[in-house]
Amino acid sequence: MAQILVRNLETDVVEKLKLRARQHGRSLQSEARQILTQSAGMRLSQARKTSRLWQKKLSRRKFPDTTALLRQDRTR
């Protein structure tokens, strides 16, 4: 497994992480690992989910060709 080192964390951030770790019955390292793992996984899965939702919503729509409008706007 890989390792990372996070430098220059504010003291209050570390204290909040320690409190959160105690509340969950984990060590500080275990709590940080859990947060990072969840954050990395959720963002990617949430992005995919959102992307699929918008593709589905927009798949039936017809969009006009806006090339002429863009060219007009650029000549101003």
C-alpha atoms as a PDB file:
ATOM      1  CA  MET A   1       0.000   0.000   0.000  1.00  0.00           C
ATOM      2  CA  ALA A   2       1.075   3.558  -0.600  1.00  0.00           C
ATOM      3  CA  GLN A   3       1.789   6.138   2.080  1.00  0.00           C
ATOM      4  CA  ILE A   4       1.334   9.887   2.137  1.00  0.00           C
ATOM      5  CA  LEU A   5       2.577  12.613   4.450  1.00  0.00           C
ATOM      6  CA  VAL A   6       0.467  15.701   5.000  1.00  0.00           C
ATOM      7  CA  ARG A   7       2.460  18.680   6.205  1.00  0.00           C
ATOM      8  CA  ASN A   8       1.442  22.003   7.696  1.00  0.00           C
ATOM      9  CA  LEU A   9      -1.996  21.096   8.990  1.00  0.00           C
ATOM     10  CA  GLU A  10      -3.473  23.724  11.266  1.00  0.00           C
ATOM     11  CA  THR A  11      -3.578  22.698  14.926  1.00  0.00           C
ATOM     12  CA  ASP A  12      -7.348  23.126  15.095  1.00  0.00           C
ATOM     13  CA  VAL A  13      -7.775  20.796  12.119  1.00  0.00           C
ATOM     14  CA  VAL A  14      -5.752  18.106  13.854  1.00  0.00           C
ATOM     15  CA  GLU A  15      -7.751  18.564  17.059  1.00  0.00           C
ATOM     16  CA  LYS A  16     -11.027  18.233  15.157  1.00  0.00           C
ATOM     17  CA  LEU A  17      -9.740  15.065  13.473  1.00  0.00           C
ATOM     18  CA  LYS A  18      -8.715  13.637  16.842  1.00  0.00           C
ATOM     19  CA  LEU A  19     -12.160  14.390  18.261  1.00  0.00           C
ATOM     20  CA  ARG A  20     -13.836  12.793  15.271  1.00  0.00           C
ATOM     21  CA  ALA A  21     -11.581   9.736  15.601  1.00  0.00           C
ATOM     22  CA  ARG A  22     -12.489   9.375  19.293  1.00  0.00           C
ATOM     23  CA  GLN A  23     -16.185   9.656  18.445  1.00  0.00           C
ATOM     24  CA  HIS A  24     -15.826   6.839  15.916  1.00  0.00           C
ATOM     25  CA  GLY A  25     -13.592   4.720  18.151  1.00  0.00           C
ATOM     26  CA  ARG A  26     -10.629   4.918  15.782  1.00  0.00           C
ATOM     27  CA  SER A  27      -7.067   6.137  15.829  1.00  0.00           C
ATOM     28  CA  LEU A  28      -6.229   9.437  14.166  1.00  0.00           C
ATOM     29  CA  GLN A  29      -4.484   7.579  11.341  1.00  0.00           C
ATOM     30  CA  SER A  30      -7.440   5.261  10.836  1.00  0.00           C
ATOM     31  CA  GLU A  31      -9.870   8.184  10.820  1.00  0.00           C
ATOM     32  CA  ALA A  32      -7.780  10.072   8.237  1.00  0.00           C
ATOM     33  CA  ARG A  33      -7.590   6.932   6.088  1.00  0.00           C
ATOM     34  CA  GLN A  34     -11.367   6.490   6.280  1.00  0.00           C
ATOM     35  CA  ILE A  35     -12.024  10.125   5.343  1.00  0.00           C
ATOM     36  CA  LEU A  36      -9.624  10.005   2.383  1.00  0.00           C
ATOM     37  CA  THR A  37     -10.979   6.677   1.142  1.00  0.00           C
ATOM     38  CA  GLN A  38     -14.583   7.839   1.318  1.00  0.00           C
ATOM     39  CA  SER A  39     -13.810  11.200  -0.233  1.00  0.00           C
ATOM     40  CA  ALA A  40     -11.931   9.727  -3.185  1.00  0.00           C
ATOM     41  CA  GLY A  41     -14.604   7.138  -3.893  1.00  0.00           C
ATOM     42  CA  MET A  42     -17.628   9.366  -3.423  1.00  0.00           C
ATOM     43  CA  ARG A  43     -16.468  12.130  -5.682  1.00  0.00           C
ATOM     44  CA  LEU A  44     -15.810   9.820  -8.591  1.00  0.00           C
ATOM     45  CA  SER A  45     -19.007   7.843  -8.163  1.00  0.00           C
ATOM     46  CA  GLN A  46     -21.027  11.014  -7.630  1.00  0.00           C
ATOM     47  CA  ALA A  47     -19.524  12.575 -10.763  1.00  0.00           C
ATOM     48  CA  ARG A  48     -20.404   9.485 -12.799  1.00  0.00           C
ATOM     49  CA  LYS A  49     -23.916   9.434 -11.385  1.00  0.00           C
ATOM     50  CA  THR A  50     -24.436  13.120 -12.173  1.00  0.00           C
ATOM     51  CA  SER A  51     -23.015  12.665 -15.654  1.00  0.00           C
ATOM     52  CA  ARG A  52     -25.372   9.781 -16.410  1.00  0.00           C
ATOM     53  CA  LEU A  53     -28.321  11.769 -15.104  1.00  0.00           C
ATOM     54  CA  TRP A  54     -27.569  14.746 -17.360  1.00  0.00           C
ATOM     55  CA  GLN A  55     -26.910  12.526 -20.371  1.00  0.00           C
ATOM     56  CA  LYS A  56     -30.292  10.917 -19.843  1.00  0.00           C
ATOM     57  CA  LYS A  57     -32.050  14.288 -19.401  1.00  0.00           C
ATOM     58  CA  LEU A  58     -30.440  15.842 -22.460  1.00  0.00           C
ATOM     59  CA  SER A  59     -30.416  12.832 -24.794  1.00  0.00           C
ATOM     60  CA  ARG A  60     -33.857  13.534 -26.261  1.00  0.00           C
ATOM     61  CA  ARG A  61     -33.394  17.269 -26.753  1.00  0.00           C
ATOM     62  CA  LYS A  62     -32.459  18.935 -30.017  1.00  0.00           C
ATOM     63  CA  PHE A  63     -30.026  21.802 -29.734  1.00  0.00           C
ATOM     64  CA  PRO A  64     -29.769  24.574 -32.314  1.00  0.00           C
ATOM     65  CA  ASP A  65     -26.560  25.293 -34.168  1.00  0.00           C
ATOM     66  CA  THR A  66     -25.184  28.401 -32.457  1.00  0.00           C
ATOM     67  CA  THR A  67     -22.193  28.889 -34.748  1.00  0.00           C
ATOM     68  CA  ALA A  68     -23.692  31.950 -36.448  1.00  0.00           C
ATOM     69  CA  LEU A  69     -24.538  33.551 -33.107  1.00  0.00           C
ATOM     70  CA  LEU A  70     -21.015  32.999 -31.807  1.00  0.00           C
ATOM     71  CA  ARG A  71     -19.470  34.497 -34.939  1.00  0.00           C
ATOM     72  CA  GLN A  72     -21.758  37.514 -34.676  1.00  0.00           C
ATOM     73  CA  ASP A  73     -20.797  37.998 -31.049  1.00  0.00           C
ATOM     74  CA  ARG A  74     -17.079  37.822 -31.854  1.00  0.00           C
ATOM     75  CA  THR A  75     -17.304  40.575 -34.445  1.00  0.00           C
ATOM     76  CA  ARG A  76     -18.641  43.118 -31.970  1.00  0.00           C
END
